[in-house]
Protein backbone atom coordinates (compact mmCIF):
# COMPACT_ATOMS: atom_id res chain seq x y z
CA MET A 1 137.55 103.74 116.38
CA ILE A 2 138.85 103.87 120.02
CA ALA A 3 142.50 103.63 118.47
CA PHE A 4 141.89 106.31 116.12
CA LEU A 5 140.39 108.48 118.95
CA ASP A 6 143.61 108.00 120.96
CA GLN A 7 145.98 108.50 117.87
CA TYR A 8 144.50 111.98 117.38
CA ALA A 9 143.70 112.89 120.97
CA HIS A 10 143.98 116.59 121.32
CA GLY A 11 144.87 117.02 117.82
CA THR A 12 143.23 117.30 114.39
CA ALA A 13 142.56 114.75 111.79
CA THR A 14 140.75 114.60 108.26
CA ALA A 15 138.19 112.37 107.16
CA LEU A 16 140.92 110.36 105.05
CA ASP A 17 142.63 109.97 108.22
CA LEU A 18 139.81 108.06 109.44
CA VAL A 19 139.58 106.15 106.36
CA ASP A 20 143.04 105.23 106.79
CA ALA A 21 142.55 104.08 110.34
CA LEU A 22 139.53 101.71 109.13
CA GLU A 23 141.62 100.25 106.49
CA GLU A 24 144.33 99.43 108.89
CA GLU A 25 141.93 97.54 110.85
CA ILE A 26 139.73 95.86 107.93
CA GLY A 27 142.37 95.77 105.20
CA ALA A 28 143.14 97.86 102.29
CA ASP A 29 141.36 95.52 99.82
CA ALA A 30 137.92 96.68 101.13
CA GLY A 31 138.44 99.73 98.95
CA LEU A 32 137.50 102.31 101.62
CA GLN A 33 139.56 105.00 100.15
CA ARG A 34 137.61 104.48 96.60
CA ILE A 35 134.61 104.33 98.12
CA PHE A 36 134.81 107.22 100.50
CA ARG A 37 136.40 109.56 97.93
CA GLY A 38 133.44 109.07 95.78
CA PHE A 39 130.96 110.13 97.94
CA LEU A 40 132.99 112.97 99.87
CA PHE A 41 134.70 114.73 97.12
CA GLN A 42 132.27 114.83 94.09
CA PRO A 43 128.81 116.07 93.63
CA GLY A 44 125.46 114.41 93.36
CA VAL A 45 124.47 110.78 94.11
CA PRO A 46 124.57 107.42 92.21
CA TYR A 47 121.46 106.40 90.25
CA VAL A 48 121.66 102.42 90.06
CA MET A 49 119.86 100.37 87.71
CA ALA A 50 119.15 96.88 88.31
CA GLU A 51 117.88 95.03 85.04
CA LEU A 52 116.57 91.41 85.49
CA SER A 53 116.95 88.99 82.59
CA CYS A 54 116.20 85.22 82.64
CA ASP A 55 116.54 82.30 79.97
CA ASP A 56 116.88 78.98 79.90
CA THR A 57 120.32 78.87 81.55
CA GLY A 58 119.34 81.07 84.47
CA GLY A 59 118.98 84.44 85.65
CA ARG A 60 120.85 87.51 85.73
CA ILE A 61 120.80 90.93 87.32
CA ALA A 62 122.75 93.39 85.58
CA LEU A 63 123.73 96.54 87.75
CA SER A 64 124.82 100.04 86.20
CA GLN A 65 125.09 103.14 87.63
CA ALA A 66 125.15 106.99 86.61
CA ARG A 67 124.79 110.26 88.31
CA TYR A 68 121.25 110.83 89.32
CA VAL A 69 120.24 114.07 87.53
CA PRO A 70 116.57 115.67 87.81
CA GLU A 71 114.77 116.26 84.29
CA GLY A 72 115.88 119.59 83.05
CA SER A 73 119.26 119.75 85.01
CA LEU A 74 122.21 120.85 83.02
CA ALA A 75 124.56 118.69 85.40
CA PRO A 76 126.60 116.10 83.78
CA VAL A 77 125.30 112.44 84.25
CA GLU A 78 128.91 111.30 84.70
CA GLY A 79 130.25 110.15 88.01
CA ASP A 80 133.02 107.99 89.45
CA TRP A 81 131.61 106.11 92.45
CA ALA A 82 132.72 102.64 93.98
CA THR A 83 129.07 102.09 95.12
CA PRO A 84 128.33 99.13 97.82
CA VAL A 85 125.07 97.30 96.47
CA CYS A 86 123.39 94.78 98.22
CA VAL A 87 120.34 93.13 96.30
CA ARG A 88 117.58 90.65 97.68
CA TRP A 89 115.32 88.83 95.34
CA GLU A 90 112.84 86.17 95.41
CA SER A 91 114.55 82.98 95.87
CA ASP A 92 113.81 79.68 94.23
CA GLY A 93 111.42 77.56 96.59
CA ASN A 94 112.80 78.77 99.89
CA THR A 95 111.01 81.06 102.33
CA GLU A 96 113.79 83.53 102.91
CA PRO A 97 114.92 85.68 99.83
CA ALA A 98 118.28 85.53 98.29
CA GLU A 99 120.86 88.17 98.48
CA LYS A 100 124.36 89.09 97.25
CA CYS A 101 126.58 92.11 97.69
CA ARG A 102 128.74 93.65 95.14
CA LEU A 103 131.11 96.48 94.90
CA LEU A 104 129.71 98.65 92.00
CA ASP A 105 133.34 100.16 91.12
CA SER A 106 132.61 100.77 87.24
CA THR A 107 129.89 101.84 85.48
CA SER A 108 128.51 98.16 85.27
CA THR A 109 128.52 94.71 86.79
CA SER A 110 126.07 91.68 87.10
CA ILE A 111 124.89 89.10 89.65
CA ALA A 112 124.16 85.57 88.35
CA LEU A 113 121.06 83.99 90.01
CA ASP A 114 120.41 80.26 90.81
CA GLY A 115 117.02 78.92 89.96
CA ARG A 116 113.95 80.17 88.30
CA CYS A 117 113.37 83.74 87.42
CA PRO A 118 112.39 85.82 90.52
CA SER A 119 109.05 87.96 90.38
CA TRP A 120 110.72 90.71 92.58
CA VAL A 121 114.07 92.22 93.11
CA MET A 122 115.09 94.86 95.74
CA PRO A 123 118.28 96.70 94.77
CA THR A 124 119.06 98.05 98.09
CA LYS A 125 118.65 95.53 100.96
CA GLY A 126 117.16 97.05 103.90
CA ALA A 127 117.45 100.43 102.16
CA GLY A 128 121.17 100.50 103.22
CA GLY A 129 122.59 101.72 99.91
CA TYR A 130 123.35 105.49 99.33
CA TYR A 131 121.67 105.85 96.05
CA ARG A 132 118.49 106.21 93.96
CA TRP A 133 117.52 103.02 92.19
CA GLN A 134 115.28 101.54 89.44
CA VAL A 135 114.60 98.22 88.41
CA LEU A 136 114.09 97.06 84.99
CA PRO A 137 112.08 95.62 83.08
CA GLU A 138 109.00 97.45 84.48
CA ALA A 139 107.17 94.23 84.45
CA VAL A 140 109.10 93.08 87.55
CA ASP A 141 106.59 92.86 90.36
CA LEU A 142 107.75 95.46 93.05
CA LEU A 143 104.84 97.83 93.85
CA ASP A 144 102.06 95.12 94.34
CA ARG A 145 104.44 92.90 96.41
CA SER A 146 105.98 95.69 98.55
CA GLY A 147 103.69 95.22 101.30
CA GLU A 148 104.52 91.60 101.64
CA VAL A 149 108.08 91.09 100.77
CA PHE A 150 109.78 94.58 101.79
CA ASP A 151 110.65 95.72 105.38
CA ASP A 152 109.60 99.03 106.30
CA LEU A 153 112.73 100.91 105.32
CA GLU A 154 112.76 99.42 101.76
CA ARG A 155 109.07 100.41 101.13
CA MET A 156 110.72 104.05 102.20
CA SER A 157 113.44 103.40 99.72
CA LEU A 158 110.66 102.23 97.06
CA ALA A 159 108.61 105.46 97.71
CA ASP A 160 111.74 107.69 97.42
CA SER A 161 113.03 105.96 94.19
CA LEU A 162 109.40 106.28 92.55
CA ALA A 163 109.50 109.99 93.32
CA ALA A 164 112.93 110.35 91.98
CA ARG A 165 112.22 108.55 88.82
CA MET A 166 109.33 110.99 88.29
CA LEU A 167 111.63 114.02 88.72
CA ALA A 168 114.18 112.54 86.44
CA GLY A 169 111.77 111.85 83.48
CA ASP A 170 112.09 108.04 83.64
CA LEU A 171 108.24 107.62 85.11
CA GLY A 172 105.24 109.62 83.76
CA ALA A 173 103.35 111.64 86.40
CA ASP A 174 100.13 109.56 85.43
CA ARG A 175 102.12 106.31 86.39
CA TYR A 176 103.24 107.88 89.67
CA LEU A 177 99.68 108.69 90.28
CA ALA A 178 98.66 105.01 89.80
CA ALA A 179 101.03 104.03 92.38
CA VAL A 180 99.68 106.22 94.91
CA PRO A 181 96.96 103.88 96.31
CA THR A 182 99.53 101.21 97.06
CA LEU A 183 101.78 103.67 99.01
CA ALA A 184 98.92 105.12 100.68
CA ALA A 185 98.09 101.83 102.16
CA ALA A 186 101.24 101.18 103.68
CA LEU A 187 101.23 101.16 107.50
CA GLU A 188 104.10 103.30 107.90
CA ARG A 189 103.45 107.05 108.13
CA ALA A 190 106.59 108.05 106.09
CA VAL A 191 105.40 105.51 103.20
CA ALA A 192 101.90 106.60 103.21
CA THR A 193 102.46 110.21 103.20
CA ALA A 194 105.44 110.13 100.70
CA PRO A 195 103.42 110.87 97.78
CA LEU A 196 101.75 114.02 99.16
CA GLU A 197 104.28 116.74 98.17
CA LYS A 198 104.68 115.12 94.68
CA VAL A 199 101.10 115.10 94.15
CA GLU A 200 100.79 118.39 94.91
CA LEU A 201 103.64 119.28 92.45
CA ILE A 202 101.85 117.28 89.77
CA LEU A 203 98.42 119.25 90.48
CA ASP A 204 100.24 122.83 90.48
CA HIS A 205 102.20 121.93 87.12
CA VAL A 206 101.15 118.84 85.51
CA VAL A 207 97.53 118.50 85.33
CA ALA A 208 95.53 120.40 82.80
CA PRO A 209 92.86 122.82 84.43
CA THR A 210 89.99 120.84 82.91
CA ASP A 211 91.27 117.54 84.89
CA ILE A 212 91.98 119.49 88.32
CA ASP A 213 88.70 118.46 89.79
CA ALA A 214 88.76 114.83 88.75
CA ALA A 215 92.55 114.57 90.03
CA ARG A 216 91.57 115.91 93.31
CA GLU A 217 88.60 113.54 93.54
CA TYR A 218 90.82 110.48 92.77
CA LEU A 219 93.47 111.60 95.42
CA GLY A 220 90.61 112.40 97.96
CA ALA A 221 89.05 109.08 97.64
CA ILE A 222 92.43 107.49 98.40
CA TYR A 223 93.40 109.54 101.41
CA ARG A 224 89.90 110.02 102.91
CA ARG A 225 89.88 106.17 102.93
CA ARG A 226 93.25 105.96 104.45
CA LEU A 227 92.10 108.48 107.07
CA GLU A 228 89.43 106.25 107.94
CA PHE A 229 91.95 103.30 109.16
CA VAL A 230 94.04 105.75 111.24
CA GLY A 231 93.61 104.78 114.70
CA LEU A 232 92.11 101.21 114.10
CA PRO A 233 94.06 98.19 114.85
CA GLY A 234 96.69 97.92 112.02
CA GLY A 235 96.06 101.36 110.86
CA SER A 236 99.29 102.67 111.82
CA GLU A 237 102.73 102.02 113.56
CA SER A 238 101.81 103.23 116.87
CA LEU A 239 99.18 105.71 118.79
CA VAL A 240 101.78 108.42 118.51
CA GLU A 241 102.30 107.70 114.67
CA ALA A 242 98.54 107.48 114.25
CA LYS A 243 98.18 111.15 115.61
CA ARG A 244 100.75 112.55 113.24
CA LEU A 245 99.37 110.56 110.41
CA ARG A 246 96.12 111.86 111.05
CA SER A 247 97.05 115.48 111.23
CA ARG A 248 99.07 115.14 108.03
CA LEU A 249 96.25 113.75 106.12
CA ILE A 250 93.51 116.28 107.22
CA GLN A 251 96.18 118.93 106.20
CA PHE A 252 96.44 117.50 102.71
CA LEU A 253 92.72 116.75 102.34
CA ALA A 254 91.84 120.27 103.36
CA GLY A 255 94.60 122.20 101.54
CA VAL A 256 95.18 120.30 98.48
CA VAL A 257 92.35 118.17 97.67
CA GLU A 258 90.05 120.85 99.08
CA ASP A 259 87.56 118.22 100.55
CA PRO A 260 84.57 120.49 101.58
CA VAL A 261 83.33 118.41 104.47
CA ILE A 262 86.92 118.68 106.08
CA ARG A 263 87.34 122.30 105.16
CA GLU A 264 84.13 123.23 106.92
CA ASP A 265 85.40 121.45 110.08
CA LEU A 266 88.78 122.72 110.16
CA GLY A 267 87.38 126.31 109.22
CA ARG A 268 85.22 126.33 112.03
CA GLN A 269 88.17 125.16 114.32
CA GLY A 270 90.32 127.96 113.02
CA ARG A 271 87.82 130.64 113.74
CA ASP A 272 87.21 129.22 117.10
CA TYR A 273 91.00 129.09 117.79
CA VAL A 274 91.29 132.89 117.12
CA GLY A 275 88.16 133.72 118.87
CA PHE A 276 86.52 135.13 115.77
CA GLY A 277 82.88 136.05 116.37
CA GLY A 278 83.33 135.41 119.97
CA ASP A 279 85.54 136.83 122.68
CA GLY A 280 88.60 137.67 120.24
CA ARG A 281 90.80 135.70 122.20
CA ILE A 282 93.11 132.72 121.47
CA HIS A 283 91.36 129.50 122.40
CA ARG A 284 94.39 126.66 122.11
CA ASP A 285 91.82 123.94 122.96
CA ALA A 286 89.86 124.66 120.15
CA VAL A 287 92.05 122.57 117.70
CA GLU A 288 94.80 120.07 117.95
CA PRO A 289 98.14 122.04 118.20
CA ASP A 290 99.68 120.58 115.02
CA LEU A 291 96.40 121.44 113.14
CA ALA A 292 96.37 125.20 114.18
CA GLU A 293 97.81 126.68 111.18
CA ALA A 294 95.96 124.51 108.68
CA ALA A 295 92.82 125.45 110.60
CA VAL A 296 93.33 129.35 110.56
CA ALA A 297 94.48 129.00 107.06
CA VAL A 298 91.36 127.30 106.05
CA ALA A 299 89.38 129.81 107.94
CA ALA A 300 91.17 132.83 106.17
CA ARG A 301 90.64 131.38 102.75
CA GLU A 302 86.92 131.20 103.29
CA ALA A 303 86.25 134.50 105.23
CA GLY A 304 86.62 138.14 104.20
CA PRO A 305 88.40 141.28 105.31
CA ALA A 306 86.95 141.13 108.82
CA PHE A 307 88.69 137.98 109.55
CA PHE A 308 91.84 139.37 107.92
CA ASP A 309 91.79 142.56 110.46
CA HIS A 310 91.08 140.13 113.22
CA LEU A 311 94.47 138.31 112.47
CA THR A 312 96.50 141.39 111.78
CA GLY A 313 95.37 142.68 115.11
CA LEU A 314 96.49 139.64 116.90
CA LEU A 315 99.94 140.26 115.81
CA GLY A 316 99.98 143.29 117.79
CA THR A 317 98.98 141.37 121.18
CA GLU A 318 100.06 137.91 120.77
CA SER A 319 103.73 136.88 121.41
CA SER A 320 103.58 133.10 121.56
CA PRO A 321 105.38 131.76 118.64
CA GLN A 322 102.86 128.84 118.07
CA THR A 323 99.92 131.39 117.79
CA ARG A 324 101.74 133.77 115.73
CA SER A 325 102.83 131.03 113.19
CA ALA A 326 99.04 130.05 113.00
CA VAL A 327 98.15 133.72 112.44
CA LEU A 328 100.74 134.11 109.85
CA ALA A 329 99.27 130.91 108.14
CA GLY A 330 95.93 132.40 107.89
CA ILE A 331 97.30 135.97 106.59
CA GLY A 332 99.29 133.93 103.92
CA ALA A 333 96.43 131.84 102.83
CA VAL A 334 94.17 134.54 101.59
CA ARG A 335 93.38 134.73 97.88
CA ASP A 336 91.37 138.05 97.71
CA PRO A 337 93.49 140.46 95.57
CA VAL A 338 93.14 143.46 98.18
CA LEU A 339 93.98 141.29 101.08
CA LEU A 340 96.90 139.88 99.20
CA ALA A 341 98.32 143.46 98.74
CA ARG A 342 97.93 143.96 102.37
CA ALA A 343 99.43 140.92 103.27
CA ARG A 344 102.37 141.61 101.08
CA ASN A 345 102.62 145.12 102.48
CA LEU A 346 102.98 143.51 106.06
CA LEU A 347 106.24 142.08 105.25
CA LEU A 348 107.55 145.48 105.55
CA ASP A 349 105.87 146.23 108.84
CA GLU A 350 107.35 146.23 112.09
CA VAL A 351 104.30 144.31 113.62
CA LEU A 352 106.17 141.44 112.10
CA TYR A 353 109.18 139.80 113.76
CA THR A 354 112.03 139.54 111.79
CA ASN A 355 112.37 135.89 111.71
CA GLU A 356 108.67 135.80 110.69
CA VAL A 357 109.07 137.60 107.33
CA PRO A 358 110.57 134.34 105.53
CA LEU A 359 107.57 132.35 107.03
CA LEU A 360 105.13 134.89 105.47
CA LEU A 361 106.95 135.40 102.24
CA ALA A 362 106.91 131.53 101.87
CA ALA A 363 103.10 131.38 102.20
CA LEU A 364 102.92 134.14 99.62
CA SER A 365 104.99 132.24 97.11
CA GLU A 366 102.75 129.32 96.49
CA PRO A 367 102.14 128.73 92.64
CA ALA A 368 98.70 130.25 92.64
CA VAL A 369 99.99 133.51 93.86
CA ILE A 370 103.82 133.49 93.01
CA ASP A 371 103.53 135.84 90.20
CA GLY A 372 101.87 138.77 91.91
CA THR A 373 104.36 138.39 94.88
CA TRP A 374 107.13 138.26 92.43
CA THR A 375 106.16 141.62 91.07
CA TRP A 376 105.59 142.99 94.73
CA VAL A 377 109.12 142.09 95.57
CA GLU A 378 110.54 143.46 92.26
CA GLY A 379 109.10 146.88 93.53
CA HIS A 380 110.16 146.50 97.35
CA ILE A 381 113.35 144.41 97.09
CA GLU A 382 115.50 147.16 99.17
CA ARG A 383 113.21 147.52 101.86
CA LEU A 384 112.63 143.78 101.93
CA MET A 385 116.15 142.76 102.27
CA GLU A 386 116.35 145.25 105.32
CA ARG A 387 113.60 143.36 106.81
CA TYR A 388 114.83 139.87 105.75
CA PRO A 389 116.95 138.38 108.80
CA GLY A 390 120.55 139.31 107.67
CA GLY A 391 122.38 135.87 107.93
CA TYR A 392 119.69 134.19 105.86
CA ALA A 393 119.26 136.96 102.96
CA TYR A 394 120.67 134.68 100.43
CA TRP A 395 117.58 132.47 100.77
CA VAL A 396 115.23 135.01 99.42
CA PRO A 397 115.54 133.56 95.58
CA ALA A 398 114.59 130.01 96.85
CA HIS A 399 111.02 131.52 97.74
CA PHE A 400 110.66 131.64 93.96
CA GLU A 401 112.00 128.24 92.92
CA GLY A 402 108.64 127.51 91.60
CA PHE A 403 109.02 129.69 88.32
CA CYS A 404 108.81 127.60 85.42
CA SER A 405 109.48 130.06 82.41
CA SER A 406 112.93 131.06 81.31
CA GLN A 407 111.75 134.79 81.37
CA ARG A 408 110.99 134.65 85.23
CA VAL A 409 114.14 132.52 86.00
CA THR A 410 116.21 135.09 84.17
CA GLY A 411 114.72 138.06 86.16
CA LEU A 412 115.17 135.91 89.31
């Protein structure tokens, strides 16, 4: 790297100039040009399949790859990558796992195993590979052994790949939900909370209305239990992570699971925070800073027009970004039709800072209210675009990415 910087000092260089310099140092047989070109000059990311097979002569891991494509996407699955793959697996009688690396520079290759058939395989050692992955057959014990044999980065990779498989249609939502307890029990905040966005997606678009209450109770039981262990010895990675994990779990339990006990407590904190029913002033010590938005949102959902009026009044007097974000979270959380109409009209009101328009529009584009907000946008698109931050106007369609019907997509 020093030689490369000296060579191009006070000049310009391309990415491939850097690759050439690296190849001069380590040798062209490393295939760096092929590797870098695959990742730099084509869209997408590889989807690596690791299929374990065993017989009397030994075991083998067959590796294959294609482009990762979410279900419903029209993107082609073909791709041309030279993907460095390092695999770990349970070794035969040794405490340390066995491992081998391959350059997957075609659609498939294989790794021969020594000894008995392993009970687990990790297709990306240390989560060092830039790819999504799947292990076949499904009977290979990954999830139940993840806390025992994987490191923290590998557990994060496992959580990511389970979600990716569900979005690709390779893993049913029911089976993903069955994996949630194991992921939630992880020490690492990134692993324990990894399913939260995906289960919210499942609740919004997959679970039948008649099953919503049961699904929420299932998720609530998992994450209420996880919340009990936060802050205890072995309950999180560190004290800092414990605080972050606790806040994220409370937000999920209050906003998605709609746990009545947590909502009651958080709603009270939200009312105290904005001084509703008291002196009308902001009390920042009434709630943890990272829970202020969730607290005011819960309070607004449960309250009526008087609380809404109080919040809109604060927009005219408060200038603190944190306070205004909490107030906007409350305004965007209302579900009463009359208050929703008023909230949407605020998007055109000068009391809202220009950079706050996307924040409120995002809150008003949640699945439960997206159709009504889209109808409002169709009638006010020109004035909305005048209010939306000019350099970011191309983001407006992204607020409605939750549409699932072809008619809505065509309109968008």
